[in-house]
């Protein structure tokens, strides 16, 4: 059983990115457990003076979850041509340790317009030595109401696409057809 951590870069209650990750977790193949990280809004602002023995509990929890995970899936919105500060802050808590080094990661998208955030996120994660999976998933949810989002994510074609995306990512984690560019 692979243990995959999913992180939404959005703090919004009605986040399309969070909805996509929840649906991805619900549609994951039986040999994969996708667990949603729910502490992004509780992470204190990164301060290198607070690392090590002084690492705040939520940051330590994130680091431990990433360390123990077989892989990471991230879905992140774009704000003003960049990723939200909360997502960057989470990555900053991982930057000086070993949790990200060689860790398989896949980016998924709830908006076809998030090109700047995608590029920035991929660049930062590559720089941190995440092993970015070349595949991914995009299901356009931007601007949809919660009921519409639920209907879109429940469409059989989208459920199949989610299963296939996680299956391909799991295969890459297991060393089958590994692709490390986004």
N, C-alpha and C. Protein backbone atom coordinates (compact mmCIF):
# COMPACT_ATOMS: atom_id res chain seq x y z
N UNK A 1 0.85 -1.19 0.00
CA UNK A 1 0.00 0.00 0.00
C UNK A 1 0.89 1.24 0.00
N UNK A 2 0.71 2.10 -1.00
CA UNK A 2 1.45 3.36 -1.04
C UNK A 2 0.71 4.41 -0.24
N UNK A 3 1.47 5.22 0.50
CA UNK A 3 0.92 6.31 1.28
C UNK A 3 1.28 7.61 0.59
N UNK A 4 0.27 8.31 0.08
CA UNK A 4 0.47 9.56 -0.66
C UNK A 4 -0.19 10.69 0.10
N UNK A 5 0.54 11.79 0.27
CA UNK A 5 0.01 12.98 0.93
C UNK A 5 -0.44 13.97 -0.14
N UNK A 6 -1.64 14.52 0.00
CA UNK A 6 -2.17 15.51 -0.93
C UNK A 6 -2.27 16.85 -0.23
N UNK A 7 -1.71 17.88 -0.86
CA UNK A 7 -1.71 19.22 -0.27
C UNK A 7 -2.40 20.19 -1.21
N UNK A 8 -3.42 20.87 -0.70
CA UNK A 8 -4.07 21.93 -1.45
C UNK A 8 -3.42 23.25 -1.06
N UNK A 9 -3.07 24.04 -2.05
CA UNK A 9 -2.47 25.34 -1.79
C UNK A 9 -3.49 26.41 -1.46
N UNK A 10 -4.75 26.03 -1.34
CA UNK A 10 -5.82 26.99 -1.06
C UNK A 10 -6.35 26.81 0.36
N UNK A 11 -6.67 27.91 0.99
CA UNK A 11 -7.28 27.89 2.32
C UNK A 11 -8.79 28.11 2.26
N UNK A 12 -9.33 28.38 1.09
CA UNK A 12 -10.77 28.64 0.94
C UNK A 12 -11.59 27.41 1.31
N UNK A 13 -12.69 27.63 2.00
CA UNK A 13 -13.58 26.53 2.36
C UNK A 13 -14.15 25.86 1.11
N UNK A 14 -14.46 26.64 0.09
CA UNK A 14 -15.04 26.10 -1.14
C UNK A 14 -13.98 25.99 -2.24
N UNK A 15 -12.78 25.63 -1.87
CA UNK A 15 -11.66 25.55 -2.81
C UNK A 15 -11.87 24.46 -3.87
N UNK A 16 -11.68 24.82 -5.12
CA UNK A 16 -11.74 23.83 -6.19
C UNK A 16 -10.54 22.89 -6.11
N UNK A 17 -9.40 23.40 -5.68
CA UNK A 17 -8.20 22.56 -5.54
C UNK A 17 -8.40 21.51 -4.45
N UNK A 18 -8.97 21.91 -3.34
CA UNK A 18 -9.24 20.97 -2.24
C UNK A 18 -10.29 19.95 -2.67
N UNK A 19 -11.31 20.40 -3.42
CA UNK A 19 -12.34 19.48 -3.90
C UNK A 19 -11.73 18.45 -4.85
N UNK A 20 -10.85 18.90 -5.71
CA UNK A 20 -10.18 17.98 -6.64
C UNK A 20 -9.37 16.94 -5.89
N UNK A 21 -8.63 17.37 -4.88
CA UNK A 21 -7.81 16.42 -4.11
C UNK A 21 -8.67 15.44 -3.32
N UNK A 22 -9.77 15.92 -2.76
CA UNK A 22 -10.68 15.02 -2.03
C UNK A 22 -11.26 13.97 -2.97
N UNK A 23 -11.63 14.38 -4.17
CA UNK A 23 -12.16 13.43 -5.15
C UNK A 23 -11.06 12.47 -5.62
N UNK A 24 -9.86 12.97 -5.77
CA UNK A 24 -8.72 12.13 -6.14
C UNK A 24 -8.50 11.06 -5.08
N UNK A 25 -8.56 11.46 -3.81
CA UNK A 25 -8.39 10.50 -2.71
C UNK A 25 -9.50 9.46 -2.73
N UNK A 26 -10.72 9.89 -2.99
CA UNK A 26 -11.86 8.97 -3.00
C UNK A 26 -11.81 8.00 -4.18
N UNK A 27 -11.12 8.39 -5.25
CA UNK A 27 -11.05 7.57 -6.45
C UNK A 27 -9.69 6.90 -6.64
N UNK A 28 -8.85 6.95 -5.63
CA UNK A 28 -7.53 6.34 -5.75
C UNK A 28 -7.65 4.82 -5.86
N UNK A 29 -6.73 4.21 -6.59
CA UNK A 29 -6.73 2.74 -6.67
C UNK A 29 -6.60 2.12 -5.28
N UNK A 30 -7.04 0.89 -5.15
CA UNK A 30 -7.07 0.21 -3.85
C UNK A 30 -5.69 0.07 -3.22
N UNK A 31 -4.63 0.09 -4.02
CA UNK A 31 -3.28 -0.07 -3.47
C UNK A 31 -2.62 1.25 -3.10
N UNK A 32 -3.40 2.34 -3.10
CA UNK A 32 -2.89 3.67 -2.74
C UNK A 32 -3.80 4.33 -1.72
N UNK A 33 -3.20 4.86 -0.69
CA UNK A 33 -3.95 5.65 0.30
C UNK A 33 -3.55 7.10 0.10
N UNK A 34 -4.50 7.94 -0.27
CA UNK A 34 -4.23 9.37 -0.46
C UNK A 34 -4.83 10.10 0.74
N UNK A 35 -3.95 10.71 1.52
CA UNK A 35 -4.36 11.42 2.74
C UNK A 35 -4.22 12.92 2.51
N UNK A 36 -5.27 13.67 2.81
CA UNK A 36 -5.24 15.11 2.65
C UNK A 36 -4.57 15.78 3.84
N UNK A 37 -3.59 16.66 3.56
CA UNK A 37 -2.97 17.45 4.61
C UNK A 37 -3.89 18.64 4.89
N UNK A 38 -4.27 18.83 6.14
CA UNK A 38 -5.26 19.86 6.49
C UNK A 38 -4.69 21.01 7.33
N UNK A 39 -3.37 21.10 7.43
CA UNK A 39 -2.79 22.08 8.34
C UNK A 39 -2.17 23.31 7.72
N UNK A 40 -2.39 23.54 6.43
CA UNK A 40 -1.75 24.66 5.76
C UNK A 40 -2.02 25.99 6.48
N UNK A 41 -3.24 26.22 6.89
CA UNK A 41 -3.60 27.47 7.56
C UNK A 41 -3.09 27.58 8.99
N UNK A 42 -2.64 26.49 9.56
CA UNK A 42 -2.10 26.51 10.93
C UNK A 42 -0.57 26.63 10.98
N UNK A 43 0.08 26.56 9.82
CA UNK A 43 1.54 26.66 9.81
C UNK A 43 1.96 28.09 10.14
N UNK A 44 2.86 28.24 11.09
CA UNK A 44 3.39 29.59 11.34
C UNK A 44 4.27 30.01 10.16
N UNK A 45 4.48 31.30 10.04
CA UNK A 45 5.36 31.79 8.99
C UNK A 45 6.75 31.23 9.23
N UNK A 46 7.36 30.71 8.16
CA UNK A 46 8.67 30.09 8.26
C UNK A 46 9.72 31.05 8.81
N UNK A 47 10.47 30.55 9.77
CA UNK A 47 11.58 31.30 10.36
C UNK A 47 12.70 30.29 10.60
N UNK A 48 13.83 30.42 9.91
CA UNK A 48 14.92 29.46 10.09
C UNK A 48 15.40 29.36 11.54
N UNK A 49 15.20 30.39 12.33
CA UNK A 49 15.59 30.34 13.74
C UNK A 49 14.71 29.38 14.54
N UNK A 50 13.58 28.98 13.98
CA UNK A 50 12.65 28.09 14.67
C UNK A 50 12.77 26.64 14.21
N UNK A 51 13.80 26.32 13.44
CA UNK A 51 13.98 24.95 12.97
C UNK A 51 14.71 24.11 14.02
N UNK A 52 14.71 22.82 13.78
CA UNK A 52 15.40 21.90 14.69
C UNK A 52 14.55 21.63 15.92
N UNK A 53 15.15 21.73 17.06
CA UNK A 53 14.45 21.46 18.32
C UNK A 53 13.30 22.42 18.57
N UNK A 54 13.34 23.58 17.94
CA UNK A 54 12.31 24.60 18.15
C UNK A 54 11.22 24.59 17.08
N UNK A 55 11.23 23.60 16.18
CA UNK A 55 10.25 23.56 15.10
C UNK A 55 8.84 23.51 15.68
N UNK A 56 7.98 24.44 15.27
CA UNK A 56 6.60 24.44 15.77
C UNK A 56 5.90 23.12 15.43
N UNK A 57 4.93 22.74 16.24
CA UNK A 57 4.30 21.42 16.12
C UNK A 57 3.66 21.18 14.75
N UNK A 58 2.98 22.16 14.19
CA UNK A 58 2.34 21.95 12.88
C UNK A 58 3.38 21.78 11.78
N UNK A 59 4.47 22.54 11.86
CA UNK A 59 5.54 22.38 10.88
C UNK A 59 6.19 21.00 11.04
N UNK A 60 6.39 20.56 12.27
CA UNK A 60 6.96 19.23 12.52
C UNK A 60 6.02 18.15 11.98
N UNK A 61 4.72 18.35 12.14
CA UNK A 61 3.74 17.39 11.62
C UNK A 61 3.84 17.29 10.10
N UNK A 62 3.91 18.43 9.41
CA UNK A 62 4.04 18.45 7.96
C UNK A 62 5.32 17.74 7.53
N UNK A 63 6.42 18.07 8.15
CA UNK A 63 7.71 17.46 7.81
C UNK A 63 7.65 15.95 8.00
N UNK A 64 7.06 15.50 9.09
CA UNK A 64 6.94 14.07 9.37
C UNK A 64 6.05 13.38 8.33
N UNK A 65 4.93 14.01 7.98
CA UNK A 65 4.02 13.43 7.00
C UNK A 65 4.72 13.27 5.64
N UNK A 66 5.44 14.29 5.22
CA UNK A 66 6.15 14.24 3.94
C UNK A 66 7.26 13.20 4.01
N UNK A 67 7.98 13.16 5.11
CA UNK A 67 9.07 12.20 5.27
C UNK A 67 8.55 10.77 5.15
N UNK A 68 7.44 10.47 5.79
CA UNK A 68 6.88 9.11 5.80
C UNK A 68 6.14 8.74 4.52
N UNK A 69 5.72 9.74 3.77
CA UNK A 69 4.93 9.48 2.56
C UNK A 69 5.78 8.87 1.46
N UNK A 70 5.12 8.06 0.64
CA UNK A 70 5.77 7.52 -0.55
C UNK A 70 5.75 8.54 -1.69
N UNK A 71 4.83 9.50 -1.62
CA UNK A 71 4.72 10.52 -2.64
C UNK A 71 3.83 11.66 -2.19
N UNK A 72 3.85 12.74 -2.94
CA UNK A 72 3.10 13.95 -2.62
C UNK A 72 2.35 14.41 -3.87
N UNK A 73 1.09 14.78 -3.70
CA UNK A 73 0.31 15.37 -4.78
C UNK A 73 -0.08 16.78 -4.33
N UNK A 74 0.15 17.76 -5.21
CA UNK A 74 -0.16 19.16 -4.88
C UNK A 74 -1.11 19.72 -5.92
N UNK A 75 -2.13 20.42 -5.44
CA UNK A 75 -3.04 21.18 -6.30
C UNK A 75 -3.07 22.60 -5.74
N UNK A 76 -2.72 23.56 -6.57
CA UNK A 76 -2.52 24.92 -6.06
C UNK A 76 -3.15 25.95 -6.98
N UNK A 77 -3.86 26.92 -6.40
CA UNK A 77 -4.41 28.00 -7.22
C UNK A 77 -3.33 28.99 -7.61
N UNK A 78 -3.71 29.92 -8.45
CA UNK A 78 -2.81 31.00 -8.84
C UNK A 78 -3.39 32.32 -8.36
N UNK A 79 -2.59 33.08 -7.65
CA UNK A 79 -2.98 34.41 -7.20
C UNK A 79 -1.95 35.40 -7.74
N UNK A 80 -2.40 36.39 -8.52
CA UNK A 80 -1.53 37.44 -9.05
C UNK A 80 -0.29 36.86 -9.72
N UNK A 81 -0.51 35.85 -10.58
CA UNK A 81 0.56 35.18 -11.33
C UNK A 81 1.56 34.44 -10.46
N UNK A 82 1.15 34.00 -9.30
CA UNK A 82 2.04 33.22 -8.44
C UNK A 82 1.24 32.28 -7.55
N UNK A 83 1.98 31.48 -6.80
CA UNK A 83 1.31 30.58 -5.87
C UNK A 83 0.98 31.34 -4.59
N UNK A 84 -0.05 30.91 -3.87
CA UNK A 84 -0.40 31.57 -2.61
C UNK A 84 0.73 31.44 -1.59
N UNK A 85 0.81 32.44 -0.73
CA UNK A 85 1.86 32.46 0.29
C UNK A 85 1.84 31.26 1.20
N UNK A 86 0.65 30.75 1.53
CA UNK A 86 0.56 29.59 2.41
C UNK A 86 1.24 28.36 1.83
N UNK A 87 1.13 28.17 0.52
CA UNK A 87 1.78 27.02 -0.12
C UNK A 87 3.29 27.20 -0.11
N UNK A 88 3.75 28.39 -0.43
CA UNK A 88 5.19 28.67 -0.42
C UNK A 88 5.73 28.52 1.00
N UNK A 89 4.97 28.95 1.97
CA UNK A 89 5.38 28.82 3.37
C UNK A 89 5.56 27.35 3.76
N UNK A 90 4.62 26.51 3.32
CA UNK A 90 4.73 25.07 3.60
C UNK A 90 6.00 24.51 3.00
N UNK A 91 6.29 24.89 1.77
CA UNK A 91 7.52 24.41 1.12
C UNK A 91 8.76 24.93 1.84
N UNK A 92 8.70 26.17 2.33
CA UNK A 92 9.83 26.73 3.06
C UNK A 92 10.15 25.90 4.31
N UNK A 93 9.12 25.38 4.99
CA UNK A 93 9.37 24.55 6.17
C UNK A 93 10.09 23.26 5.81
N UNK A 94 10.03 22.85 4.54
CA UNK A 94 10.67 21.61 4.10
C UNK A 94 12.05 21.84 3.50
N UNK A 95 12.41 23.07 3.22
CA UNK A 95 13.56 23.36 2.38
C UNK A 95 14.92 22.95 2.97
N UNK A 96 15.11 23.04 4.26
CA UNK A 96 16.45 22.77 4.79
C UNK A 96 16.63 21.35 5.31
N UNK A 97 15.59 20.54 5.24
CA UNK A 97 15.70 19.16 5.69
C UNK A 97 15.77 18.20 4.52
N UNK A 98 15.58 16.94 4.81
CA UNK A 98 15.68 15.89 3.80
C UNK A 98 14.32 15.39 3.31
N UNK A 99 13.22 15.87 3.86
CA UNK A 99 11.90 15.33 3.54
C UNK A 99 11.58 15.40 2.05
N UNK A 100 12.00 16.46 1.36
CA UNK A 100 11.66 16.65 -0.05
C UNK A 100 12.65 15.96 -0.99
N UNK A 101 13.84 15.67 -0.53
CA UNK A 101 14.90 15.17 -1.40
C UNK A 101 14.53 13.82 -2.01
N UNK A 102 14.37 13.83 -3.33
CA UNK A 102 14.01 12.62 -4.05
C UNK A 102 12.58 12.17 -3.87
N UNK A 103 11.78 12.94 -3.16
CA UNK A 103 10.38 12.55 -2.90
C UNK A 103 9.56 12.69 -4.18
N UNK A 104 8.92 11.61 -4.63
CA UNK A 104 8.08 11.71 -5.82
C UNK A 104 6.92 12.69 -5.57
N UNK A 105 6.65 13.52 -6.58
CA UNK A 105 5.59 14.52 -6.46
C UNK A 105 4.87 14.66 -7.79
N UNK A 106 3.58 14.90 -7.70
CA UNK A 106 2.75 15.11 -8.89
C UNK A 106 1.92 16.37 -8.67
N UNK A 107 1.81 17.18 -9.71
CA UNK A 107 0.99 18.38 -9.66
C UNK A 107 -0.31 18.12 -10.41
N UNK A 108 -1.43 18.50 -9.79
CA UNK A 108 -2.73 18.40 -10.43
C UNK A 108 -3.37 19.78 -10.39
N UNK A 109 -4.30 20.02 -11.32
CA UNK A 109 -4.80 21.38 -11.49
C UNK A 109 -6.31 21.42 -11.62
N UNK A 110 -6.91 22.41 -10.96
CA UNK A 110 -8.35 22.62 -11.03
C UNK A 110 -8.69 23.79 -11.94
N UNK A 111 -7.67 24.37 -12.58
CA UNK A 111 -7.89 25.51 -13.47
C UNK A 111 -6.92 25.44 -14.64
N UNK A 112 -7.41 25.63 -15.85
CA UNK A 112 -6.51 25.66 -17.00
C UNK A 112 -5.73 26.97 -17.09
N UNK A 113 -6.08 27.94 -16.24
CA UNK A 113 -5.44 29.26 -16.32
C UNK A 113 -4.28 29.46 -15.34
N UNK A 114 -3.94 28.48 -14.56
CA UNK A 114 -2.94 28.67 -13.50
C UNK A 114 -1.51 28.44 -14.00
N UNK A 115 -1.18 28.94 -15.18
CA UNK A 115 0.11 28.63 -15.80
C UNK A 115 1.31 29.21 -15.06
N UNK A 116 1.18 30.42 -14.53
CA UNK A 116 2.31 31.02 -13.81
C UNK A 116 2.58 30.29 -12.50
N UNK A 117 1.51 29.99 -11.77
CA UNK A 117 1.67 29.26 -10.50
C UNK A 117 2.23 27.87 -10.75
N UNK A 118 1.77 27.21 -11.81
CA UNK A 118 2.28 25.88 -12.16
C UNK A 118 3.79 25.93 -12.37
N UNK A 119 4.21 26.90 -13.18
CA UNK A 119 5.64 27.02 -13.50
C UNK A 119 6.45 27.34 -12.24
N UNK A 120 5.95 28.25 -11.43
CA UNK A 120 6.67 28.62 -10.20
C UNK A 120 6.74 27.44 -9.24
N UNK A 121 5.62 26.76 -9.05
CA UNK A 121 5.58 25.61 -8.15
C UNK A 121 6.52 24.51 -8.62
N UNK A 122 6.49 24.21 -9.92
CA UNK A 122 7.38 23.18 -10.46
C UNK A 122 8.84 23.58 -10.28
N UNK A 123 9.18 24.83 -10.55
CA UNK A 123 10.56 25.29 -10.39
C UNK A 123 11.03 25.18 -8.93
N UNK A 124 10.20 25.62 -8.01
CA UNK A 124 10.56 25.57 -6.59
C UNK A 124 10.71 24.12 -6.15
N UNK A 125 9.77 23.27 -6.53
CA UNK A 125 9.84 21.87 -6.10
C UNK A 125 11.04 21.15 -6.72
N UNK A 126 11.37 21.45 -7.98
CA UNK A 126 12.57 20.87 -8.58
C UNK A 126 13.82 21.35 -7.84
N UNK A 127 13.86 22.63 -7.52
CA UNK A 127 15.00 23.19 -6.80
C UNK A 127 15.17 22.53 -5.44
N UNK A 128 14.05 22.17 -4.81
CA UNK A 128 14.10 21.50 -3.51
C UNK A 128 14.41 20.01 -3.63
N UNK A 129 14.57 19.52 -4.86
CA UNK A 129 14.90 18.12 -5.16
C UNK A 129 13.74 17.15 -5.05
N UNK A 130 12.49 17.65 -5.12
CA UNK A 130 11.37 16.73 -5.32
C UNK A 130 11.58 16.07 -6.68
N UNK A 131 11.16 14.83 -6.83
CA UNK A 131 11.20 14.13 -8.11
C UNK A 131 9.84 14.31 -8.77
N UNK A 132 9.71 15.33 -9.61
CA UNK A 132 8.42 15.65 -10.22
C UNK A 132 8.06 14.64 -11.30
N UNK A 133 6.88 14.10 -11.16
CA UNK A 133 6.32 13.15 -12.11
C UNK A 133 5.88 13.91 -13.35
N UNK A 134 6.18 13.41 -14.52
CA UNK A 134 5.87 14.09 -15.76
C UNK A 134 4.39 14.10 -16.12
N UNK A 135 3.62 13.18 -15.55
CA UNK A 135 2.19 13.18 -15.80
C UNK A 135 1.49 14.10 -14.83
N UNK A 136 0.23 14.10 -14.86
CA UNK A 136 -0.54 14.93 -13.95
C UNK A 136 -2.01 14.83 -14.30
N UNK A 137 -2.75 15.81 -13.88
CA UNK A 137 -4.18 15.79 -14.11
C UNK A 137 -4.69 17.22 -14.08
N UNK A 138 -5.60 17.52 -14.99
CA UNK A 138 -6.30 18.80 -14.96
C UNK A 138 -7.78 18.54 -15.18
N UNK A 139 -8.58 18.99 -14.23
CA UNK A 139 -10.03 18.97 -14.37
C UNK A 139 -10.49 20.40 -14.10
N UNK A 140 -11.04 21.04 -15.11
CA UNK A 140 -11.40 22.46 -15.03
C UNK A 140 -12.61 22.67 -14.11
N UNK A 141 -12.34 23.27 -12.96
CA UNK A 141 -13.39 23.54 -11.98
C UNK A 141 -13.54 25.04 -11.68
N UNK A 142 -12.63 25.84 -12.18
CA UNK A 142 -12.61 27.27 -11.90
C UNK A 142 -13.96 27.91 -12.22
N UNK A 143 -14.47 28.68 -11.27
CA UNK A 143 -15.71 29.42 -11.48
C UNK A 143 -16.99 28.62 -11.32
N UNK A 144 -16.85 27.37 -10.96
CA UNK A 144 -18.04 26.52 -10.80
C UNK A 144 -18.56 26.61 -9.37
N UNK A 145 -19.85 26.45 -9.23
CA UNK A 145 -20.49 26.42 -7.91
C UNK A 145 -20.29 25.03 -7.30
N UNK A 146 -20.38 24.91 -5.97
CA UNK A 146 -20.13 23.61 -5.33
C UNK A 146 -20.93 22.44 -5.91
N UNK A 147 -22.19 22.65 -6.25
CA UNK A 147 -22.99 21.56 -6.83
C UNK A 147 -22.45 21.16 -8.20
N UNK A 148 -22.02 22.15 -8.99
CA UNK A 148 -21.44 21.86 -10.30
C UNK A 148 -20.12 21.11 -10.16
N UNK A 149 -19.32 21.53 -9.19
CA UNK A 149 -18.04 20.87 -8.94
C UNK A 149 -18.26 19.41 -8.61
N UNK A 150 -19.21 19.16 -7.73
CA UNK A 150 -19.52 17.78 -7.34
C UNK A 150 -19.96 16.95 -8.55
N UNK A 151 -20.79 17.54 -9.40
CA UNK A 151 -21.25 16.82 -10.60
C UNK A 151 -20.09 16.52 -11.55
N UNK A 152 -19.24 17.51 -11.76
CA UNK A 152 -18.10 17.32 -12.66
C UNK A 152 -17.17 16.23 -12.13
N UNK A 153 -16.87 16.30 -10.85
CA UNK A 153 -15.95 15.31 -10.26
C UNK A 153 -16.56 13.92 -10.18
N UNK A 154 -17.89 13.84 -10.25
CA UNK A 154 -18.56 12.54 -10.20
C UNK A 154 -18.78 11.93 -11.59
N UNK A 155 -18.47 12.68 -12.64
CA UNK A 155 -18.61 12.13 -13.99
C UNK A 155 -17.66 10.95 -14.14
N UNK A 156 -18.14 9.88 -14.73
CA UNK A 156 -17.33 8.66 -14.86
C UNK A 156 -16.00 8.92 -15.57
N UNK A 157 -16.00 9.74 -16.61
CA UNK A 157 -14.76 10.02 -17.33
C UNK A 157 -13.74 10.70 -16.41
N UNK A 158 -14.19 11.60 -15.55
CA UNK A 158 -13.28 12.28 -14.63
C UNK A 158 -12.83 11.36 -13.50
N UNK A 159 -13.74 10.51 -13.04
CA UNK A 159 -13.36 9.53 -12.01
C UNK A 159 -12.29 8.59 -12.57
N UNK A 160 -12.46 8.17 -13.80
CA UNK A 160 -11.48 7.30 -14.46
C UNK A 160 -10.15 8.04 -14.63
N UNK A 161 -10.22 9.30 -15.03
CA UNK A 161 -8.99 10.10 -15.21
C UNK A 161 -8.24 10.23 -13.87
N UNK A 162 -8.98 10.41 -12.78
CA UNK A 162 -8.34 10.50 -11.46
C UNK A 162 -7.68 9.18 -11.09
N UNK A 163 -8.39 8.07 -11.30
CA UNK A 163 -7.82 6.74 -11.01
C UNK A 163 -6.55 6.51 -11.83
N UNK A 164 -6.61 6.85 -13.10
CA UNK A 164 -5.46 6.63 -13.99
C UNK A 164 -4.28 7.53 -13.60
N UNK A 165 -4.55 8.77 -13.22
CA UNK A 165 -3.47 9.67 -12.82
C UNK A 165 -2.75 9.14 -11.58
N UNK A 166 -3.52 8.69 -10.59
CA UNK A 166 -2.90 8.16 -9.37
C UNK A 166 -2.21 6.84 -9.68
N UNK A 167 -2.81 6.01 -10.52
CA UNK A 167 -2.20 4.73 -10.90
C UNK A 167 -0.85 4.97 -11.60
N UNK A 168 -0.80 5.92 -12.52
CA UNK A 168 0.45 6.22 -13.22
C UNK A 168 1.49 6.77 -12.25
N UNK A 169 1.06 7.66 -11.35
CA UNK A 169 1.98 8.21 -10.34
C UNK A 169 2.51 7.09 -9.45
N UNK A 170 1.63 6.20 -9.01
CA UNK A 170 2.04 5.06 -8.18
C UNK A 170 3.04 4.19 -8.93
N UNK A 171 2.79 3.98 -10.21
CA UNK A 171 3.72 3.20 -11.02
C UNK A 171 5.09 3.84 -11.08
N UNK A 172 5.13 5.17 -11.18
CA UNK A 172 6.42 5.85 -11.21
C UNK A 172 7.13 5.75 -9.87
N UNK A 173 6.37 5.81 -8.78
CA UNK A 173 6.96 5.65 -7.44
C UNK A 173 7.59 4.26 -7.32
N UNK A 174 6.91 3.28 -7.88
CA UNK A 174 7.42 1.90 -7.81
C UNK A 174 8.51 1.62 -8.85
N UNK A 175 8.87 2.64 -9.63
CA UNK A 175 9.95 2.47 -10.59
C UNK A 175 9.51 2.02 -11.96
N UNK A 176 8.25 2.13 -12.24
CA UNK A 176 7.73 1.72 -13.55
C UNK A 176 7.50 2.95 -14.41
N UNK A 177 8.25 3.08 -15.48
CA UNK A 177 8.12 4.21 -16.40
C UNK A 177 8.27 5.56 -15.69
N UNK A 178 9.32 5.71 -14.91
CA UNK A 178 9.53 6.94 -14.14
C UNK A 178 9.83 8.10 -15.10
N UNK A 179 9.10 9.19 -14.89
CA UNK A 179 9.32 10.44 -15.63
C UNK A 179 9.50 11.52 -14.59
N UNK A 180 10.57 12.28 -14.68
CA UNK A 180 10.81 13.27 -13.62
C UNK A 180 10.84 14.71 -14.11
N UNK A 181 10.14 15.01 -15.21
CA UNK A 181 10.04 16.38 -15.63
C UNK A 181 8.57 16.75 -15.76
N UNK A 182 8.26 18.00 -15.51
CA UNK A 182 6.87 18.42 -15.58
C UNK A 182 6.61 19.18 -16.85
